[in-house]
């Protein structure tokens, strides 16, 4: 099956993909391009001792905009963090 980085979804990500984080930590910043976003996801796995996981609750889409309601979990140093998050996507040039 693979992962986002190596699985069946990897080739479907646009080379122009971008991702921005609004946090204030070592992962903060804007990531532009497929390789940069993949590096961010790899870094998330590394920093969380490979416990980083997202469960998609719902996906809403309309007119080039998509929102995914997601429940995320991650652990590090014996501590676990659980968050409910909304991921917002702006789709351009999608068929």
PDB file of N, CA and C in Angstrom:
ATOM      1  N   UNK A   1       0.828  -1.190   0.000  1.00  0.00           N
ATOM      2  CA  UNK A   1       0.000   0.000   0.000  1.00  0.00           C
ATOM      3  C   UNK A   1       0.868   1.247   0.000  1.00  0.00           C
ATOM      4  N   UNK A   2       1.860   1.351   0.852  1.00  0.00           N
ATOM      5  CA  UNK A   2       2.724   2.521   0.869  1.00  0.00           C
ATOM      6  C   UNK A   2       2.185   3.647   1.730  1.00  0.00           C
ATOM      7  N   UNK A   3       2.779   4.799   1.565  1.00  0.00           N
ATOM      8  CA  UNK A   3       2.380   5.987   2.310  1.00  0.00           C
ATOM      9  C   UNK A   3       2.106   7.099   1.321  1.00  0.00           C
ATOM     10  N   UNK A   4       1.782   8.291   1.835  1.00  0.00           N
ATOM     11  CA  UNK A   4       1.585   9.436   0.959  1.00  0.00           C
ATOM     12  C   UNK A   4       2.817   9.671   0.100  1.00  0.00           C
ATOM     13  N   UNK A   5       3.991   9.388   0.651  1.00  0.00           N
ATOM     14  CA  UNK A   5       5.241   9.650  -0.055  1.00  0.00           C
ATOM     15  C   UNK A   5       5.559   8.599  -1.103  1.00  0.00           C
ATOM     16  N   UNK A   6       5.114   7.357  -0.863  1.00  0.00           N
ATOM     17  CA  UNK A   6       5.510   6.279  -1.764  1.00  0.00           C
ATOM     18  C   UNK A   6       4.330   5.509  -2.328  1.00  0.00           C
ATOM     19  N   UNK A   7       3.136   5.734  -1.811  1.00  0.00           N
ATOM     20  CA  UNK A   7       1.966   4.965  -2.207  1.00  0.00           C
ATOM     21  C   UNK A   7       1.320   5.477  -3.470  1.00  0.00           C
ATOM     22  N   UNK A   8       0.120   5.002  -3.716  1.00  0.00           N
ATOM     23  CA  UNK A   8      -0.563   5.331  -4.970  1.00  0.00           C
ATOM     24  C   UNK A   8      -0.910   6.812  -5.117  1.00  0.00           C
ATOM     25  N   UNK A   9      -0.974   7.574  -4.027  1.00  0.00           N
ATOM     26  CA  UNK A   9      -1.309   8.995  -4.142  1.00  0.00           C
ATOM     27  C   UNK A   9      -0.108   9.851  -4.513  1.00  0.00           C
ATOM     28  N   UNK A  10       1.100   9.359  -4.330  1.00  0.00           N
ATOM     29  CA  UNK A  10       2.303  10.168  -4.575  1.00  0.00           C
ATOM     30  C   UNK A  10       2.326  10.782  -5.974  1.00  0.00           C
ATOM     31  N   UNK A  11       2.076  10.017  -7.032  1.00  0.00           N
ATOM     32  CA  UNK A  11       2.151  10.627  -8.359  1.00  0.00           C
ATOM     33  C   UNK A  11       1.017  11.613  -8.645  1.00  0.00           C
ATOM     34  N   UNK A  12      -0.054  11.599  -7.850  1.00  0.00           N
ATOM     35  CA  UNK A  12      -1.185  12.481  -8.117  1.00  0.00           C
ATOM     36  C   UNK A  12      -0.997  13.872  -7.518  1.00  0.00           C
ATOM     37  N   UNK A  13      -0.032  14.045  -6.651  1.00  0.00           N
ATOM     38  CA  UNK A  13       0.230  15.362  -6.077  1.00  0.00           C
ATOM     39  C   UNK A  13       0.923  16.228  -7.126  1.00  0.00           C
ATOM     40  N   UNK A  14       0.401  17.416  -7.303  1.00  0.00           N
ATOM     41  CA  UNK A  14       0.971  18.334  -8.285  1.00  0.00           C
ATOM     42  C   UNK A  14       2.387  18.730  -7.894  1.00  0.00           C
ATOM     43  N   UNK A  15       3.278  18.877  -8.864  1.00  0.00           N
ATOM     44  CA  UNK A  15       4.617  19.387  -8.563  1.00  0.00           C
ATOM     45  C   UNK A  15       4.556  20.811  -8.009  1.00  0.00           C
ATOM     46  N   UNK A  16       3.418  21.495  -8.209  1.00  0.00           N
ATOM     47  CA  UNK A  16       3.255  22.868  -7.727  1.00  0.00           C
ATOM     48  C   UNK A  16       2.554  22.936  -6.369  1.00  0.00           C
ATOM     49  N   UNK A  17       2.399  21.803  -5.698  1.00  0.00           N
ATOM     50  CA  UNK A  17       1.730  21.770  -4.400  1.00  0.00           C
ATOM     51  C   UNK A  17       2.462  22.687  -3.424  1.00  0.00           C
ATOM     52  N   UNK A  18       1.707  23.306  -2.537  1.00  0.00           N
ATOM     53  CA  UNK A  18       2.328  24.114  -1.488  1.00  0.00           C
ATOM     54  C   UNK A  18       1.568  23.887  -0.189  1.00  0.00           C
ATOM     55  N   UNK A  19       2.267  24.095   0.888  1.00  0.00           N
ATOM     56  CA  UNK A  19       1.706  23.869   2.214  1.00  0.00           C
ATOM     57  C   UNK A  19       2.304  24.903   3.152  1.00  0.00           C
ATOM     58  N   UNK A  20       1.473  25.488   3.983  1.00  0.00           N
ATOM     59  CA  UNK A  20       1.966  26.436   4.974  1.00  0.00           C
ATOM     60  C   UNK A  20       1.518  26.019   6.355  1.00  0.00           C
ATOM     61  N   UNK A  21       2.374  26.175   7.329  1.00  0.00           N
ATOM     62  CA  UNK A  21       2.002  25.862   8.705  1.00  0.00           C
ATOM     63  C   UNK A  21       1.939  27.157   9.497  1.00  0.00           C
ATOM     64  N   UNK A  22       0.945  27.264  10.343  1.00  0.00           N
ATOM     65  CA  UNK A  22       0.770  28.480  11.129  1.00  0.00           C
ATOM     66  C   UNK A  22       1.269  28.309  12.564  1.00  0.00           C
ATOM     67  N   UNK A  23       2.001  27.257  12.797  1.00  0.00           N
ATOM     68  CA  UNK A  23       2.525  27.002  14.133  1.00  0.00           C
ATOM     69  C   UNK A  23       3.821  27.778  14.358  1.00  0.00           C
ATOM     70  N   UNK A  24       4.266  27.812  15.576  1.00  0.00           N
ATOM     71  CA  UNK A  24       5.545  28.448  15.901  1.00  0.00           C
ATOM     72  C   UNK A  24       6.459  27.388  16.504  1.00  0.00           C
ATOM     73  N   UNK A  25       7.059  26.617  15.636  1.00  0.00           N
ATOM     74  CA  UNK A  25       7.987  25.571  16.061  1.00  0.00           C
ATOM     75  C   UNK A  25       8.956  25.270  14.922  1.00  0.00           C
ATOM     76  N   UNK A  26       9.720  24.210  15.064  1.00  0.00           N
ATOM     77  CA  UNK A  26      10.742  23.907  14.072  1.00  0.00           C
ATOM     78  C   UNK A  26      10.179  23.489  12.713  1.00  0.00           C
ATOM     79  N   UNK A  27       8.878  23.278  12.624  1.00  0.00           N
ATOM     80  CA  UNK A  27       8.261  22.920  11.352  1.00  0.00           C
ATOM     81  C   UNK A  27       7.564  24.108  10.694  1.00  0.00           C
ATOM     82  N   UNK A  28       7.571  25.272  11.330  1.00  0.00           N
ATOM     83  CA  UNK A  28       6.898  26.460  10.805  1.00  0.00           C
ATOM     84  C   UNK A  28       7.456  26.852   9.446  1.00  0.00           C
ATOM     85  N   UNK A  29       6.579  27.390   8.630  1.00  0.00           N
ATOM     86  CA  UNK A  29       7.038  27.920   7.354  1.00  0.00           C
ATOM     87  C   UNK A  29       6.155  27.526   6.204  1.00  0.00           C
ATOM     88  N   UNK A  30       6.591  27.944   5.030  1.00  0.00           N
ATOM     89  CA  UNK A  30       5.899  27.621   3.788  1.00  0.00           C
ATOM     90  C   UNK A  30       6.729  26.594   3.027  1.00  0.00           C
ATOM     91  N   UNK A  31       6.063  25.601   2.512  1.00  0.00           N
ATOM     92  CA  UNK A  31       6.713  24.530   1.768  1.00  0.00           C
ATOM     93  C   UNK A  31       6.133  24.532   0.368  1.00  0.00           C
ATOM     94  N   UNK A  32       6.981  24.782  -0.620  1.00  0.00           N
ATOM     95  CA  UNK A  32       6.525  24.884  -2.011  1.00  0.00           C
ATOM     96  C   UNK A  32       7.179  23.801  -2.857  1.00  0.00           C
ATOM     97  N   UNK A  33       6.333  23.067  -3.561  1.00  0.00           N
ATOM     98  CA  UNK A  33       6.806  21.981  -4.411  1.00  0.00           C
ATOM     99  C   UNK A  33       6.648  20.634  -3.726  1.00  0.00           C
ATOM    100  N   UNK A  34       6.490  19.620  -4.553  1.00  0.00           N
ATOM    101  CA  UNK A  34       6.236  18.262  -4.068  1.00  0.00           C
ATOM    102  C   UNK A  34       7.326  17.777  -3.117  1.00  0.00           C
ATOM    103  N   UNK A  35       8.579  17.970  -3.490  1.00  0.00           N
ATOM    104  CA  UNK A  35       9.676  17.478  -2.648  1.00  0.00           C
ATOM    105  C   UNK A  35       9.705  18.182  -1.296  1.00  0.00           C
ATOM    106  N   UNK A  36       9.435  19.485  -1.265  1.00  0.00           N
ATOM    107  CA  UNK A  36       9.436  20.228   0.004  1.00  0.00           C
ATOM    108  C   UNK A  36       8.319  19.738   0.916  1.00  0.00           C
ATOM    109  N   UNK A  37       7.130  19.500   0.354  1.00  0.00           N
ATOM    110  CA  UNK A  37       6.007  19.007   1.158  1.00  0.00           C
ATOM    111  C   UNK A  37       6.307  17.592   1.652  1.00  0.00           C
ATOM    112  N   UNK A  38       6.883  16.764   0.800  1.00  0.00           N
ATOM    113  CA  UNK A  38       7.244  15.407   1.219  1.00  0.00           C
ATOM    114  C   UNK A  38       8.288  15.439   2.329  1.00  0.00           C
ATOM    115  N   UNK A  39       9.238  16.371   2.251  1.00  0.00           N
ATOM    116  CA  UNK A  39      10.238  16.504   3.326  1.00  0.00           C
ATOM    117  C   UNK A  39       9.570  16.899   4.642  1.00  0.00           C
ATOM    118  N   UNK A  40       8.578  17.799   4.568  1.00  0.00           N
ATOM    119  CA  UNK A  40       7.835  18.194   5.770  1.00  0.00           C
ATOM    120  C   UNK A  40       7.151  16.982   6.393  1.00  0.00           C
ATOM    121  N   UNK A  41       6.468  16.193   5.583  1.00  0.00           N
ATOM    122  CA  UNK A  41       5.774  15.019   6.105  1.00  0.00           C
ATOM    123  C   UNK A  41       6.757  14.005   6.681  1.00  0.00           C
ATOM    124  N   UNK A  42       7.889  13.824   6.028  1.00  0.00           N
ATOM    125  CA  UNK A  42       8.920  12.936   6.551  1.00  0.00           C
ATOM    126  C   UNK A  42       9.462  13.435   7.876  1.00  0.00           C
ATOM    127  N   UNK A  43       9.650  14.732   7.986  1.00  0.00           N
ATOM    128  CA  UNK A  43      10.139  15.334   9.231  1.00  0.00           C
ATOM    129  C   UNK A  43       9.120  15.151  10.359  1.00  0.00           C
ATOM    130  N   UNK A  44       7.828  15.275  10.038  1.00  0.00           N
ATOM    131  CA  UNK A  44       6.779  15.033  11.032  1.00  0.00           C
ATOM    132  C   UNK A  44       6.864  13.608  11.566  1.00  0.00           C
ATOM    133  N   UNK A  45       7.020  12.655  10.685  1.00  0.00           N
ATOM    134  CA  UNK A  45       7.158  11.253  11.104  1.00  0.00           C
ATOM    135  C   UNK A  45       8.389  11.083  12.000  1.00  0.00           C
ATOM    136  N   UNK A  46       9.489  11.685  11.587  1.00  0.00           N
ATOM    137  CA  UNK A  46      10.744  11.569  12.336  1.00  0.00           C
ATOM    138  C   UNK A  46      10.615  12.179  13.733  1.00  0.00           C
ATOM    139  N   UNK A  47      10.077  13.375  13.824  1.00  0.00           N
ATOM    140  CA  UNK A  47       9.978  14.073  15.107  1.00  0.00           C
ATOM    141  C   UNK A  47       8.982  13.438  16.070  1.00  0.00           C
ATOM    142  N   UNK A  48       8.056  12.656  15.546  1.00  0.00           N
ATOM    143  CA  UNK A  48       7.048  12.026  16.403  1.00  0.00           C
ATOM    144  C   UNK A  48       7.289  10.528  16.573  1.00  0.00           C
ATOM    145  N   UNK A  49       8.518  10.123  16.371  1.00  0.00           N
ATOM    146  CA  UNK A  49       8.860   8.692  16.508  1.00  0.00           C
ATOM    147  C   UNK A  49       7.925   7.811  15.676  1.00  0.00           C
ATOM    148  N   UNK A  50       7.578   8.299  14.488  1.00  0.00           N
ATOM    149  CA  UNK A  50       6.720   7.610  13.518  1.00  0.00           C
ATOM    150  C   UNK A  50       5.302   7.369  14.030  1.00  0.00           C
ATOM    151  N   UNK A  51       4.838   8.196  14.983  1.00  0.00           N
ATOM    152  CA  UNK A  51       3.486   8.039  15.510  1.00  0.00           C
ATOM    153  C   UNK A  51       2.495   9.010  14.879  1.00  0.00           C
ATOM    154  N   UNK A  52       2.968   9.968  14.074  1.00  0.00           N
ATOM    155  CA  UNK A  52       2.088  10.946  13.450  1.00  0.00           C
ATOM    156  C   UNK A  52       1.059  10.242  12.587  1.00  0.00           C
ATOM    157  N   UNK A  53      -0.217  10.552  12.828  1.00  0.00           N
ATOM    158  CA  UNK A  53      -1.285   9.896  12.082  1.00  0.00           C
ATOM    159  C   UNK A  53      -2.475  10.839  11.965  1.00  0.00           C
ATOM    160  N   UNK A  54      -3.104  10.852  10.809  1.00  0.00           N
ATOM    161  CA  UNK A  54      -4.304  11.647  10.586  1.00  0.00           C
ATOM    162  C   UNK A  54      -5.464  10.732  10.220  1.00  0.00           C
ATOM    163  N   UNK A  55      -6.602  10.949  10.868  1.00  0.00           N
ATOM    164  CA  UNK A  55      -7.845  10.268  10.508  1.00  0.00           C
ATOM    165  C   UNK A  55      -8.792  11.309   9.948  1.00  0.00           C
ATOM    166  N   UNK A  56      -9.210  11.119   8.704  1.00  0.00           N
ATOM    167  CA  UNK A  56     -10.119  12.058   8.066  1.00  0.00           C
ATOM    168  C   UNK A  56     -11.538  11.761   8.545  1.00  0.00           C
ATOM    169  N   UNK A  57     -12.177  12.787   9.098  1.00  0.00           N
ATOM    170  CA  UNK A  57     -13.553  12.662   9.590  1.00  0.00           C
ATOM    171  C   UNK A  57     -14.548  12.989   8.477  1.00  0.00           C
ATOM    172  N   UNK A  58     -14.351  14.131   7.826  1.00  0.00           N
ATOM    173  CA  UNK A  58     -15.248  14.562   6.757  1.00  0.00           C
ATOM    174  C   UNK A  58     -14.479  15.392   5.739  1.00  0.00           C
ATOM    175  N   UNK A  59     -14.979  15.388   4.510  1.00  0.00           N
ATOM    176  CA  UNK A  59     -14.415  16.225   3.460  1.00  0.00           C
ATOM    177  C   UNK A  59     -15.566  16.983   2.814  1.00  0.00           C
ATOM    178  N   UNK A  60     -15.397  18.294   2.724  1.00  0.00           N
ATOM    179  CA  UNK A  60     -16.400  19.156   2.112  1.00  0.00           C
ATOM    180  C   UNK A  60     -15.749  19.878   0.944  1.00  0.00           C
ATOM    181  N   UNK A  61     -16.435  19.932  -0.206  1.00  0.00           N
ATOM    182  CA  UNK A  61     -15.838  20.571  -1.376  1.00  0.00           C
ATOM    183  C   UNK A  61     -16.868  21.381  -2.121  1.00  0.00           C
ATOM    184  N   UNK A  62     -16.408  22.515  -2.659  1.00  0.00           N
ATOM    185  CA  UNK A  62     -17.281  23.365  -3.471  1.00  0.00           C
ATOM    186  C   UNK A  62     -16.428  24.356  -4.259  1.00  0.00           C
ATOM    187  N   UNK A  63     -16.627  24.388  -5.550  1.00  0.00           N
ATOM    188  CA  UNK A  63     -16.076  25.428  -6.406  1.00  0.00           C
ATOM    189  C   UNK A  63     -14.572  25.671  -6.217  1.00  0.00           C
ATOM    190  N   UNK A  64     -13.774  24.612  -6.235  1.00  0.00           N
ATOM    191  CA  UNK A  64     -12.326  24.756  -6.140  1.00  0.00           C
ATOM    192  C   UNK A  64     -11.777  24.832  -4.735  1.00  0.00           C
ATOM    193  N   UNK A  65     -12.648  24.744  -3.750  1.00  0.00           N
ATOM    194  CA  UNK A  65     -12.204  24.762  -2.358  1.00  0.00           C
ATOM    195  C   UNK A  65     -12.585  23.443  -1.697  1.00  0.00           C
ATOM    196  N   UNK A  66     -11.696  22.933  -0.883  1.00  0.00           N
ATOM    197  CA  UNK A  66     -11.955  21.701  -0.152  1.00  0.00           C
ATOM    198  C   UNK A  66     -11.503  21.881   1.281  1.00  0.00           C
ATOM    199  N   UNK A  67     -12.315  21.383   2.202  1.00  0.00           N
ATOM    200  CA  UNK A  67     -11.957  21.396   3.616  1.00  0.00           C
ATOM    201  C   UNK A  67     -12.042  19.970   4.123  1.00  0.00           C
ATOM    202  N   UNK A  68     -10.969  19.514   4.752  1.00  0.00           N
ATOM    203  CA  UNK A  68     -10.947  18.188   5.364  1.00  0.00           C
ATOM    204  C   UNK A  68     -10.937  18.379   6.880  1.00  0.00           C
ATOM    205  N   UNK A  69     -11.919  17.793   7.542  1.00  0.00           N
ATOM    206  CA  UNK A  69     -11.961  17.805   9.002  1.00  0.00           C
ATOM    207  C   UNK A  69     -11.221  16.564   9.464  1.00  0.00           C
ATOM    208  N   UNK A  70     -10.154  16.789  10.209  1.00  0.00           N
ATOM    209  CA  UNK A  70      -9.191  15.735  10.500  1.00  0.00           C
ATOM    210  C   UNK A  70      -8.925  15.652  11.994  1.00  0.00           C
ATOM    211  N   UNK A  71      -8.741  14.431  12.483  1.00  0.00           N
ATOM    212  CA  UNK A  71      -8.318  14.215  13.855  1.00  0.00           C
ATOM    213  C   UNK A  71      -6.890  13.682  13.793  1.00  0.00           C
ATOM    214  N   UNK A  72      -5.969  14.413  14.379  1.00  0.00           N
ATOM    215  CA  UNK A  72      -4.561  14.031  14.326  1.00  0.00           C
ATOM    216  C   UNK A  72      -4.038  13.580  15.668  1.00  0.00           C
ATOM    217  N   UNK A  73      -3.137  12.610  15.644  1.00  0.00           N
ATOM    218  CA  UNK A  73      -2.456  12.150  16.854  1.00  0.00           C
ATOM    219  C   UNK A  73      -0.967  12.066  16.569  1.00  0.00           C
ATOM    220  N   UNK A  74      -0.194  12.306  17.601  1.00  0.00           N
ATOM    221  CA  UNK A  74       1.263  12.185  17.489  1.00  0.00           C
ATOM    222  C   UNK A  74       1.827  12.050  18.897  1.00  0.00           C
ATOM    223  N   UNK A  75       2.933  11.347  18.995  1.00  0.00           N
ATOM    224  CA  UNK A  75       3.591  11.180  20.284  1.00  0.00           C
ATOM    225  C   UNK A  75       5.063  11.489  20.187  1.00  0.00           C
ATOM    226  N   UNK A  76       5.614  11.866  21.335  1.00  0.00           N
ATOM    227  CA  UNK A  76       7.045  12.148  21.401  1.00  0.00           C
ATOM    228  C   UNK A  76       7.457  12.143  22.864  1.00  0.00           C
ATOM    229  N   UNK A  77       8.518  11.434  23.155  1.00  0.00           N
ATOM    230  CA  UNK A  77       9.040  11.417  24.518  1.00  0.00           C
ATOM    231  C   UNK A  77       8.043  10.938  25.547  1.00  0.00           C
ATOM    232  N   UNK A  78       7.212   9.977  25.186  1.00  0.00           N
ATOM    233  CA  UNK A  78       6.240   9.438  26.130  1.00  0.00           C
ATOM    234  C   UNK A  78       4.964  10.257  26.257  1.00  0.00           C
ATOM    235  N   UNK A  79       4.867  11.351  25.534  1.00  0.00           N
ATOM    236  CA  UNK A  79       3.664  12.189  25.569  1.00  0.00           C
ATOM    237  C   UNK A  79       2.901  12.051  24.261  1.00  0.00           C
ATOM    238  N   UNK A  80       1.572  12.151  24.340  1.00  0.00           N
ATOM    239  CA  UNK A  80       0.728  12.057  23.153  1.00  0.00           C
ATOM    240  C   UNK A  80      -0.083  13.326  23.007  1.00  0.00           C
ATOM    241  N   UNK A  81      -0.211  13.785  21.776  1.00  0.00           N
ATOM    242  CA  UNK A  81      -1.005  14.974  21.476  1.00  0.00           C
ATOM    243  C   UNK A  81      -2.119  14.577  20.509  1.00  0.00           C
ATOM    244  N   UNK A  82      -3.333  15.003  20.808  1.00  0.00           N
ATOM    245  CA  UNK A  82      -4.497  14.761  19.955  1.00  0.00           C
ATOM    246  C   UNK A  82      -5.106  16.103  19.595  1.00  0.00           C
ATOM    247  N   UNK A  83      -5.381  16.304  18.317  1.00  0.00           N
ATOM    248  CA  UNK A  83      -5.951  17.569  17.855  1.00  0.00           C
ATOM    249  C   UNK A  83      -7.015  17.337  16.792  1.00  0.00           C
ATOM    250  N   UNK A  84      -8.065  18.128  16.859  1.00  0.00           N
ATOM    251  CA  UNK A  84      -9.037  18.200  15.770  1.00  0.00           C
ATOM    252  C   UNK A  84      -8.644  19.411  14.936  1.00  0.00           C
ATOM    253  N   UNK A  85      -8.500  19.206  13.622  1.00  0.00           N
ATOM    254  CA  UNK A  85      -7.954  20.241  12.754  1.00  0.00           C
ATOM    255  C   UNK A  85      -8.771  20.305  11.469  1.00  0.00           C
ATOM    256  N   UNK A  86      -8.839  21.495  10.875  1.00  0.00           N
ATOM    257  CA  UNK A  86      -9.427  21.656   9.545  1.00  0.00           C
ATOM    258  C   UNK A  86      -8.302  21.982   8.570  1.00  0.00           C
ATOM    259  N   UNK A  87      -8.172  21.178   7.539  1.00  0.00           N
ATOM    260  CA  UNK A  87      -7.193  21.419   6.477  1.00  0.00           C
ATOM    261  C   UNK A  87      -7.947  22.052   5.307  1.00  0.00           C
ATOM    262  N   UNK A  88      -7.470  23.199   4.853  1.00  0.00           N
ATOM    263  CA  UNK A  88      -8.132  23.916   3.756  1.00  0.00           C
ATOM    264  C   UNK A  88      -7.286  23.788   2.502  1.00  0.00           C
ATOM    265  N   UNK A  89      -7.917  23.409   1.415  1.00  0.00           N
ATOM    266  CA  UNK A  89      -7.241  23.234   0.136  1.00  0.00           C
ATOM    267  C   UNK A  89      -7.881  24.141  -0.912  1.00  0.00           C
ATOM    268  N   UNK A  90      -7.050  24.756  -1.728  1.00  0.00           N
ATOM    269  CA  UNK A  90      -7.519  25.523  -2.876  1.00  0.00           C
ATOM    270  C   UNK A  90      -7.038  24.772  -4.108  1.00  0.00           C
ATOM    271  N   UNK A  91      -7.966  24.219  -4.852  1.00  0.00           N
ATOM    272  CA  UNK A  91      -7.625  23.399  -6.012  1.00  0.00           C
ATOM    273  C   UNK A  91      -7.647  24.255  -7.259  1.00  0.00           C
ATOM    274  N   UNK A  92      -6.521  24.256  -7.957  1.00  0.00           N
ATOM    275  CA  UNK A  92      -6.405  25.038  -9.198  1.00  0.00           C
ATOM    276  C   UNK A  92      -6.061  24.104 -10.340  1.00  0.00           C
ATOM    277  N   UNK A  93      -6.784  24.237 -11.402  1.00  0.00           N
ATOM    278  CA  UNK A  93      -6.498  23.434 -12.589  1.00  0.00           C
ATOM    279  C   UNK A  93      -6.889  21.988 -12.442  1.00  0.00           C
ATOM    280  N   UNK A  94      -7.721  21.662 -11.461  1.00  0.00           N
ATOM    281  CA  UNK A  94      -8.144  20.284 -11.268  1.00  0.00           C
ATOM    282  C   UNK A  94      -9.286  19.975 -12.228  1.00  0.00           C
ATOM    283  N   UNK A  95      -9.283  18.754 -12.718  1.00  0.00           N
ATOM    284  CA  UNK A  95     -10.355  18.348 -13.638  1.00  0.00           C
ATOM    285  C   UNK A  95     -11.526  17.826 -12.872  1.00  0.00           C
TER     286      UNK A  95
END
